N, C-alpha and C. Protein backbone atom coordinates (compact mmCIF):
# COMPACT_ATOMS: atom_id res chain seq x y z
N MET A 1 -4.58 -22.76 41.09
CA MET A 1 -4.50 -21.55 39.79
C MET A 1 -3.14 -20.95 39.76
N THR A 2 -2.44 -20.96 38.59
CA THR A 2 -1.48 -19.73 38.53
C THR A 2 -1.68 -18.84 38.77
N VAL A 3 -0.85 -18.31 38.92
CA VAL A 3 -0.55 -16.54 38.98
C VAL A 3 -0.96 -15.90 37.14
N LEU A 4 0.09 -16.87 36.55
CA LEU A 4 -0.82 -16.30 34.47
C LEU A 4 -2.11 -16.65 34.36
N GLU A 5 -2.54 -17.42 35.09
CA GLU A 5 -4.05 -18.05 34.75
C GLU A 5 -5.14 -17.17 35.62
N LYS A 6 -4.02 -16.74 36.66
CA LYS A 6 -5.38 -15.62 37.50
C LYS A 6 -5.68 -13.89 36.38
N ARG A 7 -4.35 -13.94 36.35
CA ARG A 7 -4.36 -12.77 35.04
C ARG A 7 -5.00 -12.82 34.17
N LYS A 8 -4.81 -13.95 33.39
CA LYS A 8 -5.31 -14.03 32.24
C LYS A 8 -7.20 -14.06 32.47
N TYR A 9 -7.34 -14.58 33.34
CA TYR A 9 -9.27 -14.79 33.69
C TYR A 9 -9.34 -13.65 34.43
N GLY A 10 -8.62 -12.59 35.04
CA GLY A 10 -9.20 -11.23 35.24
C GLY A 10 -9.27 -10.59 34.04
N LEU A 11 -8.06 -10.39 33.18
CA LEU A 11 -8.10 -9.74 31.79
C LEU A 11 -9.39 -9.91 31.29
N ILE A 12 -9.77 -11.37 31.24
CA ILE A 12 -11.19 -12.17 30.12
C ILE A 12 -12.68 -11.16 30.73
N ARG A 13 -12.64 -11.05 31.87
CA ARG A 13 -13.35 -10.89 32.66
C ARG A 13 -13.42 -9.11 32.10
N LYS A 14 -12.49 -8.53 32.27
CA LYS A 14 -12.53 -7.11 31.33
C LYS A 14 -12.99 -6.82 30.51
N ILE A 15 -12.55 -7.79 29.71
CA ILE A 15 -12.96 -7.39 28.07
C ILE A 15 -14.33 -8.19 27.97
N ILE A 16 -14.96 -8.67 28.53
CA ILE A 16 -15.89 -8.93 28.43
C ILE A 16 -17.31 -7.99 28.94
N SER A 17 -16.82 -7.40 30.08
CA SER A 17 -17.50 -5.84 30.48
C SER A 17 -17.12 -4.55 29.80
N ASP A 18 -16.55 -4.77 29.10
CA ASP A 18 -15.79 -3.71 28.60
C ASP A 18 -17.10 -3.38 27.17
N THR A 19 -17.01 -1.84 27.46
CA THR A 19 -18.51 -1.22 26.31
C THR A 19 -17.62 -0.27 25.54
N ASN A 20 -16.63 -0.20 25.53
CA ASN A 20 -15.44 0.73 24.51
C ASN A 20 -15.87 0.01 23.31
N GLU A 21 -16.27 0.55 22.15
CA GLU A 21 -16.29 -0.61 21.08
C GLU A 21 -14.93 -0.66 20.23
N ARG A 22 -14.48 0.44 20.43
CA ARG A 22 -12.48 0.84 19.66
C ARG A 22 -11.91 -0.22 20.65
N ARG A 23 -11.19 -0.58 21.54
CA ARG A 23 -11.04 -1.09 22.07
C ARG A 23 -11.28 -2.73 21.87
N VAL A 24 -11.90 -3.39 22.13
CA VAL A 24 -13.04 -4.08 21.87
C VAL A 24 -12.29 -5.01 20.07
N SER A 25 -12.90 -3.96 19.05
CA SER A 25 -11.57 -3.71 17.89
C SER A 25 -10.56 -4.29 17.83
N ALA A 26 -9.79 -3.35 18.34
CA ALA A 26 -8.15 -3.13 18.63
C ALA A 26 -7.92 -4.65 19.17
N ILE A 27 -8.35 -5.32 20.69
CA ILE A 27 -8.03 -6.23 20.63
C ILE A 27 -8.70 -7.71 20.20
N GLU A 28 -9.95 -7.47 19.10
CA GLU A 28 -10.08 -8.57 18.20
C GLU A 28 -9.08 -8.55 16.96
N LYS A 29 -8.59 -7.56 16.26
CA LYS A 29 -7.82 -7.28 15.78
C LYS A 29 -6.59 -8.03 15.71
N LEU A 30 -6.07 -7.42 17.03
CA LEU A 30 -5.02 -8.48 17.82
C LEU A 30 -5.02 -9.99 17.16
N TYR A 31 -5.91 -10.89 17.85
CA TYR A 31 -6.04 -12.03 17.77
C TYR A 31 -6.51 -12.55 16.87
N ASN A 32 -7.27 -12.14 15.71
CA ASN A 32 -7.75 -12.12 14.79
C ASN A 32 -6.88 -12.14 13.66
N ASN A 33 -5.58 -11.75 14.37
CA ASN A 33 -4.57 -11.38 13.11
C ASN A 33 -3.01 -11.88 12.94
N VAL A 34 -3.46 -13.66 13.32
CA VAL A 34 -2.21 -14.72 13.82
C VAL A 34 -2.08 -15.13 12.69
N GLU A 35 -1.81 -15.15 10.93
CA GLU A 35 -1.86 -15.94 9.82
C GLU A 35 -0.09 -15.63 9.98
N SER A 36 0.11 -16.67 9.03
CA SER A 36 1.67 -17.42 9.01
C SER A 36 1.94 -16.76 7.22
N CYS A 37 2.97 -16.63 7.01
CA CYS A 37 2.86 -16.52 5.86
C CYS A 37 3.55 -18.08 4.99
N ASN A 38 2.06 -17.83 3.84
CA ASN A 38 2.13 -19.13 2.86
C ASN A 38 3.51 -18.80 1.75
N LEU A 39 3.85 -17.86 1.41
CA LEU A 39 4.66 -17.28 0.19
C LEU A 39 5.94 -18.40 0.40
N SER A 40 6.16 -18.81 -0.81
CA SER A 40 7.41 -18.87 -0.66
C SER A 40 8.32 -18.04 -1.12
N ASN A 41 9.63 -17.78 -0.82
CA ASN A 41 10.98 -16.48 -1.43
C ASN A 41 10.77 -16.10 -2.85
N GLU A 42 10.87 -16.89 -3.68
CA GLU A 42 10.70 -16.55 -4.66
C GLU A 42 9.01 -15.78 -5.34
N GLU A 43 7.69 -16.50 -4.70
CA GLU A 43 6.63 -15.62 -4.77
C GLU A 43 6.68 -14.40 -4.06
N ILE A 44 7.14 -14.32 -3.20
CA ILE A 44 7.07 -13.22 -2.33
C ILE A 44 8.29 -11.97 -3.19
N ARG A 45 8.92 -12.50 -3.70
CA ARG A 45 10.24 -11.68 -4.77
C ARG A 45 9.36 -11.17 -6.31
N ASN A 46 8.19 -12.22 -6.39
CA ASN A 46 7.77 -11.86 -7.84
C ASN A 46 6.77 -10.67 -7.41
N VAL A 47 6.25 -10.95 -6.09
CA VAL A 47 5.38 -9.75 -5.70
C VAL A 47 5.83 -8.29 -5.49
N VAL A 48 7.07 -8.65 -5.11
CA VAL A 48 7.77 -6.92 -5.07
C VAL A 48 7.81 -6.71 -6.26
N ILE A 49 8.49 -7.69 -6.88
CA ILE A 49 8.94 -6.91 -8.55
C ILE A 49 7.25 -6.12 -9.30
N GLN A 50 6.46 -6.83 -8.75
CA GLN A 50 5.25 -6.54 -9.62
C GLN A 50 4.87 -5.13 -8.71
N ARG A 51 4.64 -5.21 -7.43
CA ARG A 51 4.42 -3.84 -6.73
C ARG A 51 5.51 -2.25 -7.20
N ARG A 52 6.74 -3.21 -7.38
CA ARG A 52 7.98 -1.71 -7.67
C ARG A 52 7.66 -1.05 -9.47
N LYS A 53 7.16 -2.25 -10.28
CA LYS A 53 6.45 -1.68 -11.13
C LYS A 53 5.19 -1.31 -11.63
N ASP A 54 4.27 -1.36 -10.86
CA ASP A 54 3.21 -0.81 -10.58
C ASP A 54 3.33 0.58 -10.00
N PHE A 55 4.32 0.84 -9.18
CA PHE A 55 4.57 2.21 -8.79
C PHE A 55 4.77 3.03 -9.54
N GLU A 56 6.05 2.46 -10.46
CA GLU A 56 6.86 2.92 -11.52
C GLU A 56 6.11 3.90 -12.66
N GLU A 57 4.75 2.78 -13.20
CA GLU A 57 4.04 3.35 -14.00
C GLU A 57 2.34 3.89 -13.38
N GLY A 58 2.93 4.43 -12.21
CA GLY A 58 1.80 5.40 -11.62
C GLY A 58 0.67 4.35 -11.13
N LYS A 59 0.13 3.15 -11.24
CA LYS A 59 -0.95 2.39 -10.93
C LYS A 59 -0.93 2.39 -9.06
N ILE A 60 0.01 2.76 -8.32
CA ILE A 60 0.44 2.83 -7.07
C ILE A 60 0.84 4.03 -6.16
N PHE A 61 -0.02 5.08 -5.52
CA PHE A 61 0.75 5.94 -4.90
C PHE A 61 0.95 5.77 -3.77
N LEU A 62 1.94 6.66 -3.17
CA LEU A 62 2.85 6.50 -1.76
C LEU A 62 1.79 7.33 -0.53
N ILE A 63 1.78 6.61 0.58
CA ILE A 63 0.94 7.46 2.02
C ILE A 63 2.02 8.16 2.28
N SER A 64 2.14 9.56 2.29
CA SER A 64 3.23 10.78 3.20
C SER A 64 2.91 10.10 4.42
N GLN A 65 3.80 10.53 5.35
CA GLN A 65 4.13 9.96 6.79
C GLN A 65 3.23 11.22 7.43
N GLU A 66 2.85 12.77 7.19
CA GLU A 66 1.66 13.25 7.49
C GLU A 66 0.35 13.26 7.49
N GLN A 67 -0.01 12.10 6.67
CA GLN A 67 -1.16 11.59 6.38
C GLN A 67 -1.17 10.26 7.71
N ILE A 68 -0.35 9.68 7.37
CA ILE A 68 -0.50 8.40 8.28
C ILE A 68 -0.57 9.24 10.15
N LYS A 69 0.19 10.09 10.06
CA LYS A 69 0.37 10.59 11.74
C LYS A 69 -1.25 11.22 11.75
N ARG A 70 -1.94 11.81 10.80
CA ARG A 70 -3.34 12.22 10.89
C ARG A 70 -3.94 11.18 11.47
N LYS A 71 -3.82 10.03 10.89
CA LYS A 71 -5.10 9.15 10.93
C LYS A 71 -5.07 8.29 12.38
N GLU A 72 -6.36 8.99 12.91
CA GLU A 72 -6.63 8.24 13.74
C GLU A 72 -6.70 6.57 14.24
N ILE A 73 -6.23 6.12 15.56
CA ILE A 73 -6.49 4.38 15.59
C ILE A 73 -7.47 4.19 16.45
């Protein structure tokens, strides 16, 4: 068994016995959020243009940095 394999098995054992729901959820999000981008450059460009238009029309509201700082992770 390699050093990397030993570290991974040790980590897996710790995760299995972890009772902190927030930490487990964070780990779950980390490994479930590995989606690749399936949009073409043109599709991305169109989405950005539409979002900007929506913002200018007042359909989208920005979140201030202070509000982001106050949010607990």
